């Protein structure tokens, strides 16, 4: 993967209201979740694009801009 995606406010139920840049390292297609949602594993990136926090996020793909 390795794609950098910018989130919009509705991408995840577990993030703050501010959009973030998220570098995807894995899509957990084997983790069961609600229809229209998926789990992504990756890093939140800072303003320079450097990884600062590793996290797994429960997301709606429509809320991502890659």
PDB file of N, CA and C in Angstrom:
ATOM      1  N   UNK A   1       0.842  -1.179   0.000  1.00  0.00           N
ATOM      2  CA  UNK A   1       0.000   0.000   0.000  1.00  0.00           C
ATOM      3  C   UNK A   1       0.888   1.244   0.000  1.00  0.00           C
ATOM      4  N   UNK A   2       1.048   1.886   1.156  1.00  0.00           N
ATOM      5  CA  UNK A   2       1.887   3.058   1.247  1.00  0.00           C
ATOM      6  C   UNK A   2       1.238   4.335   0.745  1.00  0.00           C
ATOM      7  N   UNK A   3      -0.036   4.311   0.410  1.00  0.00           N
ATOM      8  CA  UNK A   3      -0.718   5.502  -0.092  1.00  0.00           C
ATOM      9  C   UNK A   3      -0.961   6.488   1.035  1.00  0.00           C
ATOM     10  N   UNK A   4      -0.765   7.757   0.739  1.00  0.00           N
ATOM     11  CA  UNK A   4      -1.095   8.799   1.704  1.00  0.00           C
ATOM     12  C   UNK A   4      -2.479   9.324   1.357  1.00  0.00           C
ATOM     13  N   UNK A   5      -3.357   9.325   2.336  1.00  0.00           N
ATOM     14  CA  UNK A   5      -4.734   9.775   2.131  1.00  0.00           C
ATOM     15  C   UNK A   5      -5.029  10.923   3.074  1.00  0.00           C
ATOM     16  N   UNK A   6      -5.761  11.895   2.598  1.00  0.00           N
ATOM     17  CA  UNK A   6      -6.246  12.975   3.453  1.00  0.00           C
ATOM     18  C   UNK A   6      -7.679  12.638   3.814  1.00  0.00           C
ATOM     19  N   UNK A   7      -7.958  12.717   5.101  1.00  0.00           N
ATOM     20  CA  UNK A   7      -9.308  12.398   5.555  1.00  0.00           C
ATOM     21  C   UNK A   7     -10.194  13.631   5.500  1.00  0.00           C
ATOM     22  N   UNK A   8     -11.483  13.381   5.409  1.00  0.00           N
ATOM     23  CA  UNK A   8     -12.458  14.439   5.640  1.00  0.00           C
ATOM     24  C   UNK A   8     -13.138  14.095   6.959  1.00  0.00           C
ATOM     25  N   UNK A   9     -13.934  14.962   7.477  1.00  0.00           N
ATOM     26  CA  UNK A   9     -14.464  14.791   8.832  1.00  0.00           C
ATOM     27  C   UNK A   9     -15.269  13.514   9.044  1.00  0.00           C
ATOM     28  N   UNK A  10     -15.874  12.972   8.017  1.00  0.00           N
ATOM     29  CA  UNK A  10     -16.765  11.827   8.209  1.00  0.00           C
ATOM     30  C   UNK A  10     -16.093  10.484   7.972  1.00  0.00           C
ATOM     31  N   UNK A  11     -14.791  10.441   7.873  1.00  0.00           N
ATOM     32  CA  UNK A  11     -14.133   9.194   7.505  1.00  0.00           C
ATOM     33  C   UNK A  11     -14.129   8.159   8.598  1.00  0.00           C
ATOM     34  N   UNK A  12     -14.134   8.543   9.880  1.00  0.00           N
ATOM     35  CA  UNK A  12     -13.990   7.576  10.958  1.00  0.00           C
ATOM     36  C   UNK A  12     -14.750   8.027  12.191  1.00  0.00           C
ATOM     37  N   UNK A  13     -15.272   7.047  12.897  1.00  0.00           N
ATOM     38  CA  UNK A  13     -15.969   7.370  14.143  1.00  0.00           C
ATOM     39  C   UNK A  13     -14.994   7.540  15.304  1.00  0.00           C
ATOM     40  N   UNK A  14     -13.705   7.192  15.111  1.00  0.00           N
ATOM     41  CA  UNK A  14     -12.746   7.230  16.208  1.00  0.00           C
ATOM     42  C   UNK A  14     -11.709   8.326  16.123  1.00  0.00           C
ATOM     43  N   UNK A  15     -11.886   9.292  15.253  1.00  0.00           N
ATOM     44  CA  UNK A  15     -10.897  10.361  15.132  1.00  0.00           C
ATOM     45  C   UNK A  15     -11.486  11.682  15.574  1.00  0.00           C
ATOM     46  N   UNK A  16     -10.609  12.636  15.761  1.00  0.00           N
ATOM     47  CA  UNK A  16     -11.055  13.978  16.119  1.00  0.00           C
ATOM     48  C   UNK A  16     -11.763  14.611  14.918  1.00  0.00           C
ATOM     49  N   UNK A  17     -12.316  15.789  15.114  1.00  0.00           N
ATOM     50  CA  UNK A  17     -13.055  16.439  14.034  1.00  0.00           C
ATOM     51  C   UNK A  17     -12.141  17.052  12.988  1.00  0.00           C
ATOM     52  N   UNK A  18     -10.842  17.166  13.279  1.00  0.00           N
ATOM     53  CA  UNK A  18      -9.938  17.732  12.287  1.00  0.00           C
ATOM     54  C   UNK A  18      -9.492  16.655  11.299  1.00  0.00           C
ATOM     55  N   UNK A  19      -9.434  16.984  10.030  1.00  0.00           N
ATOM     56  CA  UNK A  19      -8.920  16.020   9.042  1.00  0.00           C
ATOM     57  C   UNK A  19      -7.445  15.724   9.302  1.00  0.00           C
ATOM     58  N   UNK A  20      -6.993  14.536   8.915  1.00  0.00           N
ATOM     59  CA  UNK A  20      -5.593  14.166   9.064  1.00  0.00           C
ATOM     60  C   UNK A  20      -5.080  13.576   7.757  1.00  0.00           C
ATOM     61  N   UNK A  21      -3.757  13.503   7.640  1.00  0.00           N
ATOM     62  CA  UNK A  21      -3.126  12.760   6.557  1.00  0.00           C
ATOM     63  C   UNK A  21      -2.739  11.417   7.149  1.00  0.00           C
ATOM     64  N   UNK A  22      -3.144  10.347   6.480  1.00  0.00           N
ATOM     65  CA  UNK A  22      -2.965   8.993   6.990  1.00  0.00           C
ATOM     66  C   UNK A  22      -2.255   8.161   5.933  1.00  0.00           C
ATOM     67  N   UNK A  23      -1.103   7.609   6.277  1.00  0.00           N
ATOM     68  CA  UNK A  23      -0.351   6.763   5.355  1.00  0.00           C
ATOM     69  C   UNK A  23      -0.772   5.311   5.584  1.00  0.00           C
ATOM     70  N   UNK A  24      -1.453   4.740   4.603  1.00  0.00           N
ATOM     71  CA  UNK A  24      -1.989   3.377   4.721  1.00  0.00           C
ATOM     72  C   UNK A  24      -0.869   2.362   4.497  1.00  0.00           C
ATOM     73  N   UNK A  25      -0.751   1.402   5.434  1.00  0.00           N
ATOM     74  CA  UNK A  25       0.210   0.320   5.248  1.00  0.00           C
ATOM     75  C   UNK A  25      -0.476  -1.032   5.091  1.00  0.00           C
ATOM     76  N   UNK A  26      -1.727  -1.123   5.505  1.00  0.00           N
ATOM     77  CA  UNK A  26      -2.447  -2.390   5.364  1.00  0.00           C
ATOM     78  C   UNK A  26      -3.948  -2.152   5.422  1.00  0.00           C
ATOM     79  N   UNK A  27      -4.674  -2.857   4.567  1.00  0.00           N
ATOM     80  CA  UNK A  27      -6.132  -2.899   4.626  1.00  0.00           C
ATOM     81  C   UNK A  27      -6.492  -4.233   5.265  1.00  0.00           C
ATOM     82  N   UNK A  28      -7.225  -4.205   6.354  1.00  0.00           N
ATOM     83  CA  UNK A  28      -7.611  -5.427   7.051  1.00  0.00           C
ATOM     84  C   UNK A  28      -8.912  -5.968   6.449  1.00  0.00           C
ATOM     85  N   UNK A  29      -8.815  -6.577   5.284  1.00  0.00           N
ATOM     86  CA  UNK A  29     -10.016  -7.107   4.647  1.00  0.00           C
ATOM     87  C   UNK A  29     -10.503  -8.389   5.312  1.00  0.00           C
ATOM     88  N   UNK A  30      -9.724  -8.943   6.236  1.00  0.00           N
ATOM     89  CA  UNK A  30     -10.132 -10.138   6.966  1.00  0.00           C
ATOM     90  C   UNK A  30     -10.827  -9.808   8.289  1.00  0.00           C
ATOM     91  N   UNK A  31     -10.880  -8.526   8.659  1.00  0.00           N
ATOM     92  CA  UNK A  31     -11.571  -8.103   9.874  1.00  0.00           C
ATOM     93  C   UNK A  31     -13.014  -7.770   9.505  1.00  0.00           C
ATOM     94  N   UNK A  32     -13.970  -8.395  10.146  1.00  0.00           N
ATOM     95  CA  UNK A  32     -15.382  -8.161   9.852  1.00  0.00           C
ATOM     96  C   UNK A  32     -15.843  -6.852  10.477  1.00  0.00           C
ATOM     97  N   UNK A  33     -16.653  -6.135   9.726  1.00  0.00           N
ATOM     98  CA  UNK A  33     -17.159  -4.849  10.194  1.00  0.00           C
ATOM     99  C   UNK A  33     -18.494  -4.560   9.511  1.00  0.00           C
ATOM    100  N   UNK A  34     -19.017  -3.380   9.697  1.00  0.00           N
ATOM    101  CA  UNK A  34     -20.287  -2.988   9.097  1.00  0.00           C
ATOM    102  C   UNK A  34     -20.150  -2.795   7.593  1.00  0.00           C
ATOM    103  N   UNK A  35     -21.256  -2.981   6.879  1.00  0.00           N
ATOM    104  CA  UNK A  35     -21.277  -2.759   5.437  1.00  0.00           C
ATOM    105  C   UNK A  35     -20.867  -1.312   5.139  1.00  0.00           C
ATOM    106  N   UNK A  36     -19.957  -1.128   4.195  1.00  0.00           N
ATOM    107  CA  UNK A  36     -19.507   0.206   3.816  1.00  0.00           C
ATOM    108  C   UNK A  36     -18.355   0.736   4.654  1.00  0.00           C
ATOM    109  N   UNK A  37     -17.854  -0.057   5.598  1.00  0.00           N
ATOM    110  CA  UNK A  37     -16.738   0.340   6.445  1.00  0.00           C
ATOM    111  C   UNK A  37     -15.605  -0.662   6.281  1.00  0.00           C
ATOM    112  N   UNK A  38     -14.381  -0.251   6.623  1.00  0.00           N
ATOM    113  CA  UNK A  38     -13.257  -1.175   6.644  1.00  0.00           C
ATOM    114  C   UNK A  38     -12.225  -0.695   7.654  1.00  0.00           C
ATOM    115  N   UNK A  39     -11.297  -1.587   7.988  1.00  0.00           N
ATOM    116  CA  UNK A  39     -10.208  -1.251   8.904  1.00  0.00           C
ATOM    117  C   UNK A  39      -8.935  -1.010   8.121  1.00  0.00           C
ATOM    118  N   UNK A  40      -8.268   0.108   8.417  1.00  0.00           N
ATOM    119  CA  UNK A  40      -6.971   0.435   7.819  1.00  0.00           C
ATOM    120  C   UNK A  40      -5.930   0.519   8.926  1.00  0.00           C
ATOM    121  N   UNK A  41      -4.739   0.053   8.637  1.00  0.00           N
ATOM    122  CA  UNK A  41      -3.610   0.159   9.540  1.00  0.00           C
ATOM    123  C   UNK A  41      -2.613   1.108   8.883  1.00  0.00           C
ATOM    124  N   UNK A  42      -2.057   2.024   9.658  1.00  0.00           N
ATOM    125  CA  UNK A  42      -1.116   2.962   9.068  1.00  0.00           C
ATOM    126  C   UNK A  42      -0.609   3.972  10.067  1.00  0.00           C
ATOM    127  N   UNK A  43      -0.128   5.084   9.537  1.00  0.00           N
ATOM    128  CA  UNK A  43       0.468   6.141  10.347  1.00  0.00           C
ATOM    129  C   UNK A  43      -0.196   7.469  10.049  1.00  0.00           C
ATOM    130  N   UNK A  44      -0.436   8.234  11.106  1.00  0.00           N
ATOM    131  CA  UNK A  44      -0.833   9.625  10.934  1.00  0.00           C
ATOM    132  C   UNK A  44       0.429  10.406  10.615  1.00  0.00           C
ATOM    133  N   UNK A  45       0.371  11.260   9.616  1.00  0.00           N
ATOM    134  CA  UNK A  45       1.533  12.037   9.196  1.00  0.00           C
ATOM    135  C   UNK A  45       1.406  13.489   9.651  1.00  0.00           C
ATOM    136  N   UNK A  46       2.549  14.092   9.933  1.00  0.00           N
ATOM    137  CA  UNK A  46       2.561  15.504  10.312  1.00  0.00           C
ATOM    138  C   UNK A  46       2.584  16.379   9.059  1.00  0.00           C
ATOM    139  N   UNK A  47       2.748  17.683   9.235  1.00  0.00           N
ATOM    140  CA  UNK A  47       2.702  18.631   8.117  1.00  0.00           C
ATOM    141  C   UNK A  47       3.806  18.390   7.092  1.00  0.00           C
ATOM    142  N   UNK A  48       4.928  17.795   7.509  1.00  0.00           N
ATOM    143  CA  UNK A  48       6.027  17.488   6.588  1.00  0.00           C
ATOM    144  C   UNK A  48       5.856  16.136   5.907  1.00  0.00           C
ATOM    145  N   UNK A  49       4.836  15.368   6.319  1.00  0.00           N
ATOM    146  CA  UNK A  49       4.617  14.048   5.755  1.00  0.00           C
ATOM    147  C   UNK A  49       5.308  12.934   6.507  1.00  0.00           C
ATOM    148  N   UNK A  50       5.931  13.263   7.646  1.00  0.00           N
ATOM    149  CA  UNK A  50       6.602  12.254   8.462  1.00  0.00           C
ATOM    150  C   UNK A  50       5.591  11.528   9.343  1.00  0.00           C
ATOM    151  N   UNK A  51       5.766  10.218   9.488  1.00  0.00           N
ATOM    152  CA  UNK A  51       4.887   9.420  10.335  1.00  0.00           C
ATOM    153  C   UNK A  51       5.106   9.791  11.793  1.00  0.00           C
ATOM    154  N   UNK A  52       4.004  10.033  12.516  1.00  0.00           N
ATOM    155  CA  UNK A  52       4.118  10.414  13.921  1.00  0.00           C
ATOM    156  C   UNK A  52       3.390   9.455  14.852  1.00  0.00           C
ATOM    157  N   UNK A  53       2.297   8.854  14.412  1.00  0.00           N
ATOM    158  CA  UNK A  53       1.515   7.970  15.263  1.00  0.00           C
ATOM    159  C   UNK A  53       1.000   6.794  14.446  1.00  0.00           C
ATOM    160  N   UNK A  54       1.304   5.574  14.902  1.00  0.00           N
ATOM    161  CA  UNK A  54       0.747   4.401  14.235  1.00  0.00           C
ATOM    162  C   UNK A  54      -0.645   4.161  14.804  1.00  0.00           C
ATOM    163  N   UNK A  55      -1.591   3.820  13.912  1.00  0.00           N
ATOM    164  CA  UNK A  55      -2.963   3.606  14.365  1.00  0.00           C
ATOM    165  C   UNK A  55      -3.714   2.708  13.406  1.00  0.00           C
ATOM    166  N   UNK A  56      -4.739   2.072  13.924  1.00  0.00           N
ATOM    167  CA  UNK A  56      -5.705   1.336  13.109  1.00  0.00           C
ATOM    168  C   UNK A  56      -6.988   2.155  13.161  1.00  0.00           C
ATOM    169  N   UNK A  57      -7.584   2.385  12.011  1.00  0.00           N
ATOM    170  CA  UNK A  57      -8.793   3.205  11.950  1.00  0.00           C
ATOM    171  C   UNK A  57      -9.919   2.467  11.256  1.00  0.00           C
ATOM    172  N   UNK A  58     -11.096   2.585  11.824  1.00  0.00           N
ATOM    173  CA  UNK A  58     -12.332   2.060  11.274  1.00  0.00           C
ATOM    174  C   UNK A  58     -12.909   3.168  10.411  1.00  0.00           C
ATOM    175  N   UNK A  59     -12.938   2.961   9.100  1.00  0.00           N
ATOM    176  CA  UNK A  59     -13.225   4.073   8.197  1.00  0.00           C
ATOM    177  C   UNK A  59     -14.302   3.767   7.172  1.00  0.00           C
ATOM    178  N   UNK A  60     -14.869   4.830   6.639  1.00  0.00           N
ATOM    179  CA  UNK A  60     -15.724   4.782   5.457  1.00  0.00           C
ATOM    180  C   UNK A  60     -14.854   5.264   4.297  1.00  0.00           C
ATOM    181  N   UNK A  61     -14.596   4.431   3.308  1.00  0.00           N
ATOM    182  CA  UNK A  61     -13.734   4.844   2.190  1.00  0.00           C
ATOM    183  C   UNK A  61     -14.169   6.139   1.511  1.00  0.00           C
ATOM    184  N   UNK A  62     -15.453   6.425   1.504  1.00  0.00           N
ATOM    185  CA  UNK A  62     -15.925   7.659   0.882  1.00  0.00           C
ATOM    186  C   UNK A  62     -15.401   8.897   1.590  1.00  0.00           C
ATOM    187  N   UNK A  63     -14.925   8.727   2.816  1.00  0.00           N
ATOM    188  CA  UNK A  63     -14.389   9.860   3.579  1.00  0.00           C
ATOM    189  C   UNK A  63     -12.898  10.080   3.375  1.00  0.00           C
ATOM    190  N   UNK A  64     -12.295   9.334   2.455  1.00  0.00           N
ATOM    191  CA  UNK A  64     -10.858   9.473   2.193  1.00  0.00           C
ATOM    192  C   UNK A  64     -10.619  10.109   0.843  1.00  0.00           C
ATOM    193  N   UNK A  65      -9.576  10.924   0.764  1.00  0.00           N
ATOM    194  CA  UNK A  65      -9.134  11.509  -0.497  1.00  0.00           C
ATOM    195  C   UNK A  65      -7.695  11.051  -0.708  1.00  0.00           C
ATOM    196  N   UNK A  66      -7.483  10.096  -1.606  1.00  0.00           N
ATOM    197  CA  UNK A  66      -6.133   9.546  -1.845  1.00  0.00           C
ATOM    198  C   UNK A  66      -5.560  10.034  -3.138  1.00  0.00           C
TER     199      UNK A  66
END
